Amino acid sequence: MPEQRTTHFGYQQVPEQEKAQRVRNVFDSVASRYDLMNDLMSLGIHRLWKRRAVELAGVRRGQRVLDLAAGTGDLAARFATLAGAEGEVVFSDINASMLRMGRQRMLDRGLAGNLGYVQADAQDLPFPDACFDCATIGFGLRNVTDKDAALRAIFRVLKPGGRLLILEFSKPRSKPLSLAYDLYSFGLLPKIGKLIAKDEESYRYLAESIRMHPDQETLKTMLQDAGFERCEYFNLSGGIVAIHRGYKL
């Protein structure tokens, strides 16, 4: 009998085929309070991180953008404005609850004409080769079961000259900041989740998933191994968050 392959779900080891459903359960639980929790967890700084990611993406009028793990659409909304009526933004998330919430939020903001919605797994994208100018994944890669497969899938759907932007929690660059961040993540964050989202365990998982995510240099190497060139990263807030960028040349 073949050995069952496992992967991490936070600090737990679980069968690979179970992780995606467990992640869905987490986001089903937190979807209704997702935006409020983002503001509370980051003291609103997540908006600055996303603004910087949009700047680095360099989306222009008429371009086609894929926003993976789009959540409630903070990045997609900005890209829809930049791409204009001649462009298109595909709003994608593996989680149906988040996708529904994001779509409603876009409609509430009057953004509809150049937005499409697709429920998709980043590891197995349902798009033809070379059809996007830019792809982004914001605070979602750490939840993907096979990150290497996802990076290869994104590379496939990008046009030559296209670029990938990954906005993700990373590793603080100083020991004092790292210690303070640990105290916040494992002490305060689950308590905020319990109080606001009524779900302490999901936010404990989110803290653990951040610690299990590859550091800046490791993720850069993973991008290069997937075929991306001119790979670089930009540390934000002392490395608590990093933006990685790579090109398909």
C-alpha atoms as a PDB file:
ATOM      1  CA  MET A   1       0.000   0.000   0.000  1.00  0.00           C
ATOM      2  CA  PRO A   2       1.565   3.355  -0.997  1.00  0.00           C
ATOM      3  CA  GLU A   3       2.518   5.702   1.808  1.00  0.00           C
ATOM      4  CA  GLN A   4       0.018   8.513   2.294  1.00  0.00           C
ATOM      5  CA  ARG A   5       1.555  11.918   1.571  1.00  0.00           C
ATOM      6  CA  THR A   6       1.101  14.589   4.217  1.00  0.00           C
ATOM      7  CA  THR A   7       1.472  18.342   4.408  1.00  0.00           C
ATOM      8  CA  HIS A   8       1.232  20.957   7.124  1.00  0.00           C
ATOM      9  CA  PHE A   9      -1.981  22.590   8.233  1.00  0.00           C
ATOM     10  CA  GLY A  10      -0.586  25.145  10.611  1.00  0.00           C
ATOM     11  CA  TYR A  11       1.581  23.069  12.938  1.00  0.00           C
ATOM     12  CA  GLN A  12      -0.373  19.861  12.278  1.00  0.00           C
ATOM     13  CA  GLN A  13       0.551  17.240   9.696  1.00  0.00           C
ATOM     14  CA  VAL A  14      -2.510  16.190   7.677  1.00  0.00           C
ATOM     15  CA  PRO A  15      -3.071  14.098   4.529  1.00  0.00           C
ATOM     16  CA  GLU A  16      -2.488  16.271   1.433  1.00  0.00           C
ATOM     17  CA  GLN A  17      -5.997  15.690   0.116  1.00  0.00           C
ATOM     18  CA  GLU A  18      -7.509  17.049   3.348  1.00  0.00           C
ATOM     19  CA  LYS A  19      -5.735  20.411   3.483  1.00  0.00           C
ATOM     20  CA  ALA A  20      -7.811  22.231   0.867  1.00  0.00           C
ATOM     21  CA  GLN A  21     -11.059  21.336   2.646  1.00  0.00           C
ATOM     22  CA  ARG A  22      -9.656  22.369   6.005  1.00  0.00           C
ATOM     23  CA  VAL A  23      -8.621  25.724   4.553  1.00  0.00           C
ATOM     24  CA  ARG A  24     -12.108  26.137   3.062  1.00  0.00           C
ATOM     25  CA  ASN A  25     -13.608  25.486   6.496  1.00  0.00           C
ATOM     26  CA  VAL A  26     -11.406  28.190   8.031  1.00  0.00           C
ATOM     27  CA  PHE A  27     -12.478  30.800   5.501  1.00  0.00           C
ATOM     28  CA  ASP A  28     -16.126  29.734   5.593  1.00  0.00           C
ATOM     29  CA  SER A  29     -15.941  30.458   9.318  1.00  0.00           C
ATOM     30  CA  VAL A  30     -14.267  33.874   9.074  1.00  0.00           C
ATOM     31  CA  ALA A  31     -15.751  35.211   5.814  1.00  0.00           C
ATOM     32  CA  SER A  32     -18.402  37.434   7.389  1.00  0.00           C
ATOM     33  CA  ARG A  33     -15.848  39.254   9.580  1.00  0.00           C
ATOM     34  CA  TYR A  34     -12.886  39.023   7.213  1.00  0.00           C
ATOM     35  CA  ASP A  35     -12.497  42.728   6.406  1.00  0.00           C
ATOM     36  CA  LEU A  36     -13.024  43.839   9.995  1.00  0.00           C
ATOM     37  CA  MET A  37     -10.473  41.320  11.240  1.00  0.00           C
ATOM     38  CA  ASN A  38      -7.921  42.442   8.628  1.00  0.00           C
ATOM     39  CA  ASP A  39      -8.225  46.012   9.880  1.00  0.00           C
ATOM     40  CA  LEU A  40      -7.958  44.970  13.524  1.00  0.00           C
ATOM     41  CA  MET A  41      -5.087  42.523  13.012  1.00  0.00           C
ATOM     42  CA  SER A  42      -2.916  44.951  11.060  1.00  0.00           C
ATOM     43  CA  LEU A  43      -4.173  48.229  12.561  1.00  0.00           C
ATOM     44  CA  GLY A  44      -5.209  49.119   9.019  1.00  0.00           C
ATOM     45  CA  ILE A  45      -1.670  48.771   7.631  1.00  0.00           C
ATOM     46  CA  HIS A  46      -2.776  45.974   5.266  1.00  0.00           C
ATOM     47  CA  ARG A  47      -4.198  48.729   3.047  1.00  0.00           C
ATOM     48  CA  LEU A  48      -0.715  50.232   2.628  1.00  0.00           C
ATOM     49  CA  TRP A  49       0.777  46.812   1.871  1.00  0.00           C
ATOM     50  CA  LYS A  50      -1.831  46.235  -0.828  1.00  0.00           C
ATOM     51  CA  ARG A  51      -1.308  49.709  -2.279  1.00  0.00           C
ATOM     52  CA  ARG A  52       2.405  48.952  -2.640  1.00  0.00           C
ATOM     53  CA  ALA A  53       1.640  45.622  -4.338  1.00  0.00           C
ATOM     54  CA  VAL A  54      -0.592  47.418  -6.854  1.00  0.00           C
ATOM     55  CA  GLU A  55       2.187  49.919  -7.577  1.00  0.00           C
ATOM     56  CA  LEU A  56       4.710  47.121  -8.174  1.00  0.00           C
ATOM     57  CA  ALA A  57       2.277  45.220 -10.414  1.00  0.00           C
ATOM     58  CA  GLY A  58       2.334  48.052 -12.961  1.00  0.00           C
ATOM     59  CA  VAL A  59      -1.049  47.186 -14.445  1.00  0.00           C
ATOM     60  CA  ARG A  60      -1.934  49.363 -17.434  1.00  0.00           C
ATOM     61  CA  ARG A  61      -5.103  50.111 -19.361  1.00  0.00           C
ATOM     62  CA  GLY A  62      -6.258  47.239 -21.538  1.00  0.00           C
ATOM     63  CA  GLN A  63      -4.350  44.531 -19.682  1.00  0.00           C
ATOM     64  CA  ARG A  64      -5.745  41.250 -18.389  1.00  0.00           C
ATOM     65  CA  VAL A  65      -5.151  40.488 -14.716  1.00  0.00           C
ATOM     66  CA  LEU A  66      -5.693  37.331 -12.649  1.00  0.00           C
ATOM     67  CA  ASP A  67      -6.191  37.979  -8.935  1.00  0.00           C
ATOM     68  CA  LEU A  68      -5.931  34.672  -7.070  1.00  0.00           C
ATOM     69  CA  ALA A  69      -7.120  34.186  -3.486  1.00  0.00           C
ATOM     70  CA  ALA A  70      -8.922  37.461  -4.158  1.00  0.00           C
ATOM     71  CA  GLY A  71     -10.826  37.369  -0.867  1.00  0.00           C
ATOM     72  CA  THR A  72     -13.104  40.388  -0.660  1.00  0.00           C
ATOM     73  CA  GLY A  73     -11.421  42.124  -3.565  1.00  0.00           C
ATOM     74  CA  ASP A  74      -9.083  44.842  -2.276  1.00  0.00           C
ATOM     75  CA  LEU A  75      -6.530  44.169  -5.032  1.00  0.00           C
ATOM     76  CA  ALA A  76      -9.073  43.306  -7.732  1.00  0.00           C
ATOM     77  CA  ALA A  77     -10.921  46.595  -7.230  1.00  0.00           C
ATOM     78  CA  ARG A  78      -7.753  48.599  -7.800  1.00  0.00           C
ATOM     79  CA  PHE A  79      -6.797  46.541 -10.849  1.00  0.00           C
ATOM     80  CA  ALA A  80     -10.273  46.915 -12.361  1.00  0.00           C
ATOM     81  CA  THR A  81      -9.880  50.686 -12.282  1.00  0.00           C
ATOM     82  CA  LEU A  82      -6.366  50.554 -13.747  1.00  0.00           C
ATOM     83  CA  ALA A  83      -7.224  48.073 -16.532  1.00  0.00           C
ATOM     84  CA  GLY A  84     -10.243  50.099 -17.596  1.00  0.00           C
ATOM     85  CA  ALA A  85     -13.056  49.072 -19.894  1.00  0.00           C
ATOM     86  CA  GLU A  86     -10.571  47.701 -22.460  1.00  0.00           C
ATOM     87  CA  GLY A  87      -9.034  45.343 -19.883  1.00  0.00           C
ATOM     88  CA  GLU A  88     -10.300  42.522 -17.702  1.00  0.00           C
ATOM     89  CA  VAL A  89      -9.729  41.391 -14.129  1.00  0.00           C
ATOM     90  CA  VAL A  90     -10.517  37.797 -13.224  1.00  0.00           C
ATOM     91  CA  PHE A  91     -11.474  37.616  -9.553  1.00  0.00           C
ATOM     92  CA  SER A  92     -10.670  34.111  -8.354  1.00  0.00           C
ATOM     93  CA  ASP A  93     -10.823  32.274  -5.039  1.00  0.00           C
ATOM     94  CA  ILE A  94     -10.983  28.602  -4.095  1.00  0.00           C
ATOM     95  CA  ASN A  95     -13.530  29.377  -1.389  1.00  0.00           C
ATOM     96  CA  ALA A  96     -17.145  29.876  -2.491  1.00  0.00           C
ATOM     97  CA  SER A  97     -18.054  31.953   0.574  1.00  0.00           C
ATOM     98  CA  MET A  98     -15.224  34.393  -0.028  1.00  0.00           C
ATOM     99  CA  LEU A  99     -16.025  34.535  -3.753  1.00  0.00           C
ATOM    100  CA  ARG A 100     -19.675  35.397  -3.081  1.00  0.00           C
ATOM    101  CA  MET A 101     -18.730  38.032  -0.550  1.00  0.00           C
ATOM    102  CA  GLY A 102     -16.134  39.536  -2.869  1.00  0.00           C
ATOM    103  CA  ARG A 103     -18.556  39.675  -5.780  1.00  0.00           C
ATOM    104  CA  GLN A 104     -21.183  41.425  -3.690  1.00  0.00           C
ATOM    105  CA  ARG A 105     -18.593  43.895  -2.454  1.00  0.00           C
ATOM    106  CA  MET A 106     -17.544  44.708  -6.018  1.00  0.00           C
ATOM    107  CA  LEU A 107     -21.185  45.252  -7.034  1.00  0.00           C
ATOM    108  CA  ASP A 108     -21.717  47.499  -4.020  1.00  0.00           C
ATOM    109  CA  ARG A 109     -18.775  49.594  -5.178  1.00  0.00           C
ATOM    110  CA  GLY A 110     -20.148  49.866  -8.701  1.00  0.00           C
ATOM    111  CA  LEU A 111     -17.423  47.672 -10.206  1.00  0.00           C
ATOM    112  CA  ALA A 112     -18.831  45.146 -12.626  1.00  0.00           C
ATOM    113  CA  GLY A 113     -18.083  45.829 -16.286  1.00  0.00           C
ATOM    114  CA  ASN A 114     -14.561  44.435 -16.558  1.00  0.00           C
ATOM    115  CA  LEU A 115     -14.632  41.894 -13.720  1.00  0.00           C
ATOM    116  CA  GLY A 116     -15.101  38.148 -14.123  1.00  0.00           C
ATOM    117  CA  TYR A 117     -15.456  35.606 -11.308  1.00  0.00           C
ATOM    118  CA  VAL A 118     -14.005  32.091 -11.222  1.00  0.00           C
ATOM    119  CA  GLN A 119     -13.858  29.617  -8.347  1.00  0.00           C
ATOM    120  CA  ALA A 120     -10.517  27.936  -8.895  1.00  0.00           C
ATOM    121  CA  ASP A 121      -7.651  26.145  -7.202  1.00  0.00           C
ATOM    122  CA  ALA A 122      -4.343  27.933  -7.825  1.00  0.00           C
ATOM    123  CA  GLN A 123      -2.697  24.532  -8.393  1.00  0.00           C
ATOM    124  CA  ASP A 124      -4.969  23.693 -11.329  1.00  0.00           C
ATOM    125  CA  LEU A 125      -6.001  26.864 -13.103  1.00  0.00           C
ATOM    126  CA  PRO A 126      -8.841  26.512 -15.672  1.00  0.00           C
ATOM    127  CA  PHE A 127      -7.363  28.996 -18.148  1.00  0.00           C
ATOM    128  CA  PRO A 128      -5.518  28.586 -21.451  1.00  0.00           C
ATOM    129  CA  ASP A 129      -1.790  29.153 -21.747  1.00  0.00           C
ATOM    130  CA  ALA A 130      -0.413  32.688 -21.978  1.00  0.00           C
ATOM    131  CA  CYS A 131      -3.634  34.636 -21.430  1.00  0.00           C
ATOM    132  CA  PHE A 132      -2.807  37.075 -18.591  1.00  0.00           C
ATOM    133  CA  ASP A 133      -0.492  40.074 -18.435  1.00  0.00           C
ATOM    134  CA  CYS A 134      -0.290  39.984 -14.657  1.00  0.00           C
ATOM    135  CA  ALA A 135      -1.185  37.573 -11.850  1.00  0.00           C
ATOM    136  CA  THR A 136      -1.371  38.343  -8.157  1.00  0.00           C
ATOM    137  CA  ILE A 137      -1.982  36.339  -5.023  1.00  0.00           C
ATOM    138  CA  GLY A 138      -2.430  38.308  -1.825  1.00  0.00           C
ATOM    139  CA  PHE A 139      -2.176  36.541   1.527  1.00  0.00           C
ATOM    140  CA  GLY A 140      -3.167  33.254  -0.077  1.00  0.00           C
ATOM    141  CA  LEU A 141      -0.084  31.320  -1.166  1.00  0.00           C
ATOM    142  CA  ARG A 142       0.620  30.064   2.356  1.00  0.00           C
ATOM    143  CA  ASN A 143      -2.739  28.240   2.306  1.00  0.00           C
ATOM    144  CA  VAL A 144      -2.008  26.387  -0.955  1.00  0.00           C
ATOM    145  CA  THR A 145      -1.215  22.683  -0.503  1.00  0.00           C
ATOM    146  CA  ASP A 146       1.413  22.430  -3.272  1.00  0.00           C
ATOM    147  CA  LYS A 147       2.975  25.860  -3.684  1.00  0.00           C
ATOM    148  CA  ASP A 148       5.379  24.694  -6.401  1.00  0.00           C
ATOM    149  CA  ALA A 149       2.477  23.366  -8.485  1.00  0.00           C
ATOM    150  CA  ALA A 150       0.649  26.679  -8.054  1.00  0.00           C
ATOM    151  CA  LEU A 151       3.679  28.688  -9.172  1.00  0.00           C
ATOM    152  CA  ARG A 152       4.046  26.490 -12.264  1.00  0.00           C
ATOM    153  CA  ALA A 153       0.327  26.882 -13.050  1.00  0.00           C
ATOM    154  CA  ILE A 154       0.565  30.668 -12.759  1.00  0.00           C
ATOM    155  CA  PHE A 155       3.654  30.694 -14.969  1.00  0.00           C
ATOM    156  CA  ARG A 156       1.749  28.731 -17.617  1.00  0.00           C
ATOM    157  CA  VAL A 157      -1.177  31.182 -17.842  1.00  0.00           C
ATOM    158  CA  LEU A 158       1.009  34.302 -18.032  1.00  0.00           C
ATOM    159  CA  LYS A 159       1.890  35.846 -21.372  1.00  0.00           C
ATOM    160  CA  PRO A 160       5.568  36.324 -22.271  1.00  0.00           C
ATOM    161  CA  GLY A 161       6.563  39.505 -20.462  1.00  0.00           C
ATOM    162  CA  GLY A 162       3.875  38.895 -17.828  1.00  0.00           C
ATOM    163  CA  ARG A 163       4.607  39.112 -14.136  1.00  0.00           C
ATOM    164  CA  LEU A 164       3.522  37.519 -10.876  1.00  0.00           C
ATOM    165  CA  LEU A 165       3.161  39.470  -7.624  1.00  0.00           C
ATOM    166  CA  ILE A 166       2.937  37.575  -4.320  1.00  0.00           C
ATOM    167  CA  LEU A 167       1.923  39.597  -1.273  1.00  0.00           C
ATOM    168  CA  GLU A 168       2.363  37.462   1.811  1.00  0.00           C
ATOM    169  CA  PHE A 169       3.349  37.438   5.445  1.00  0.00           C
ATOM    170  CA  SER A 170       7.013  36.609   5.772  1.00  0.00           C
ATOM    171  CA  LYS A 171       9.887  36.589   8.262  1.00  0.00           C
ATOM    172  CA  PRO A 172      10.767  39.721  10.292  1.00  0.00           C
ATOM    173  CA  ARG A 173      14.357  40.767   9.706  1.00  0.00           C
ATOM    174  CA  SER A 174      15.286  41.614  13.302  1.00  0.00           C
ATOM    175  CA  LYS A 175      15.179  39.381  16.374  1.00  0.00           C
ATOM    176  CA  PRO A 176      13.393  41.920  18.629  1.00  0.00           C
ATOM    177  CA  LEU A 177      10.675  42.426  16.002  1.00  0.00           C
ATOM    178  CA  SER A 178      10.377  38.677  15.514  1.00  0.00           C
ATOM    179  CA  LEU A 179       9.911  38.098  19.254  1.00  0.00           C
ATOM    180  CA  ALA A 180       7.300  40.846  19.521  1.00  0.00           C
ATOM    181  CA  TYR A 181       5.513  39.465  16.455  1.00  0.00           C
ATOM    182  CA  ASP A 182       5.388  35.981  17.998  1.00  0.00           C
ATOM    183  CA  LEU A 183       3.885  37.352  21.191  1.00  0.00           C
ATOM    184  CA  TYR A 184       1.223  39.162  19.183  1.00  0.00           C
ATOM    185  CA  SER A 185       0.494  36.276  16.794  1.00  0.00           C
ATOM    186  CA  PHE A 186       0.111  33.515  19.354  1.00  0.00           C
ATOM    187  CA  GLY A 187      -1.065  35.556  22.318  1.00  0.00           C
ATOM    188  CA  LEU A 188      -3.287  38.373  21.127  1.00  0.00           C
ATOM    189  CA  LEU A 189      -4.411  37.380  17.628  1.00  0.00           C
ATOM    190  CA  PRO A 190      -6.399  34.253  18.601  1.00  0.00           C
ATOM    191  CA  LYS A 191      -8.090  36.236  21.368  1.00  0.00           C
ATOM    192  CA  ILE A 192      -9.145  38.926  18.861  1.00  0.00           C
ATOM    193  CA  GLY A 193     -10.473  36.139  16.650  1.00  0.00           C
ATOM    194  CA  LYS A 194     -12.469  34.714  19.531  1.00  0.00           C
ATOM    195  CA  LEU A 195     -13.906  38.102  20.479  1.00  0.00           C
ATOM    196  CA  ILE A 196     -14.709  39.485  17.020  1.00  0.00           C
ATOM    197  CA  ALA A 197     -15.078  36.481  14.696  1.00  0.00           C
ATOM    198  CA  LYS A 198     -16.176  34.007  17.403  1.00  0.00           C
ATOM    199  CA  ASP A 199     -13.462  31.656  16.147  1.00  0.00           C
ATOM    200  CA  GLU A 200     -10.223  31.377  18.087  1.00  0.00           C
ATOM    201  CA  GLU A 201      -8.999  28.208  16.378  1.00  0.00           C
ATOM    202  CA  SER A 202      -9.146  29.601  12.837  1.00  0.00           C
ATOM    203  CA  TYR A 203      -6.987  32.547  13.806  1.00  0.00           C
ATOM    204  CA  ARG A 204      -4.584  30.269  15.644  1.00  0.00           C
ATOM    205  CA  TYR A 205      -4.259  28.326  12.378  1.00  0.00           C
ATOM    206  CA  LEU A 206      -3.647  31.542  10.445  1.00  0.00           C
ATOM    207  CA  ALA A 207      -0.820  32.467  12.835  1.00  0.00           C
ATOM    208  CA  GLU A 208       0.704  28.998  12.506  1.00  0.00           C
ATOM    209  CA  SER A 209       0.388  29.039   8.708  1.00  0.00           C
ATOM    210  CA  ILE A 210       2.429  32.249   8.594  1.00  0.00           C
ATOM    211  CA  ARG A 211       5.256  30.584  10.536  1.00  0.00           C
ATOM    212  CA  MET A 212       5.239  27.570   8.203  1.00  0.00           C
ATOM    213  CA  HIS A 213       5.426  29.713   5.060  1.00  0.00           C
ATOM    214  CA  PRO A 214       8.805  29.861   3.269  1.00  0.00           C
ATOM    215  CA  ASP A 215      11.036  32.800   4.119  1.00  0.00           C
ATOM    216  CA  GLN A 216      11.939  35.508   1.607  1.00  0.00           C
ATOM    217  CA  GLU A 217      14.952  33.821   0.015  1.00  0.00           C
ATOM    218  CA  THR A 218      13.324  30.385  -0.110  1.00  0.00           C
ATOM    219  CA  LEU A 219      10.257  31.745  -1.882  1.00  0.00           C
ATOM    220  CA  LYS A 220      12.456  33.635  -4.331  1.00  0.00           C
ATOM    221  CA  THR A 221      14.207  30.353  -5.183  1.00  0.00           C
ATOM    222  CA  MET A 222      10.834  28.643  -5.630  1.00  0.00           C
ATOM    223  CA  LEU A 223       9.843  31.338  -8.135  1.00  0.00           C
ATOM    224  CA  GLN A 224      13.060  30.787 -10.072  1.00  0.00           C
ATOM    225  CA  ASP A 225      12.550  27.011 -10.052  1.00  0.00           C
ATOM    226  CA  ALA A 226       9.054  27.538 -11.535  1.00  0.00           C
ATOM    227  CA  GLY A 227      10.609  29.404 -14.477  1.00  0.00           C
ATOM    228  CA  PHE A 228      10.320  33.029 -13.380  1.00  0.00           C
ATOM    229  CA  GLU A 229      13.180  35.422 -14.073  1.00  0.00           C
ATOM    230  CA  ARG A 230      14.283  38.781 -12.665  1.00  0.00           C
ATOM    231  CA  CYS A 231      12.905  37.594  -9.320  1.00  0.00           C
ATOM    232  CA  GLU A 232      13.085  40.008  -6.403  1.00  0.00           C
ATOM    233  CA  TYR A 233      11.315  40.806  -3.163  1.00  0.00           C
ATOM    234  CA  PHE A 234      10.471  43.892  -1.187  1.00  0.00           C
ATOM    235  CA  ASN A 235      10.243  43.749   2.610  1.00  0.00           C
ATOM    236  CA  LEU A 236       7.475  45.781   4.218  1.00  0.00           C
ATOM    237  CA  SER A 237       7.070  46.572   7.919  1.00  0.00           C
ATOM    238  CA  GLY A 238      10.465  45.114   8.734  1.00  0.00           C
ATOM    239  CA  GLY A 239       9.821  41.868   6.859  1.00  0.00           C
ATOM    240  CA  ILE A 240       6.522  41.039   8.558  1.00  0.00           C
ATOM    241  CA  VAL A 241       5.187  41.151   4.994  1.00  0.00           C
ATOM    242  CA  ALA A 242       7.061  40.763   1.720  1.00  0.00           C
ATOM    243  CA  ILE A 243       6.116  41.281  -1.909  1.00  0.00           C
ATOM    244  CA  HIS A 244       7.790  38.903  -4.366  1.00  0.00           C
ATOM    245  CA  ARG A 245       7.840  39.701  -8.064  1.00  0.00           C
ATOM    246  CA  GLY A 246       8.934  37.546 -10.978  1.00  0.00           C
ATOM    247  CA  TYR A 247       8.609  37.756 -14.767  1.00  0.00           C
ATOM    248  CA  LYS A 248       7.881  35.270 -17.513  1.00  0.00           C
ATOM    249  CA  LEU A 249      10.351  36.298 -20.193  1.00  0.00           C
END
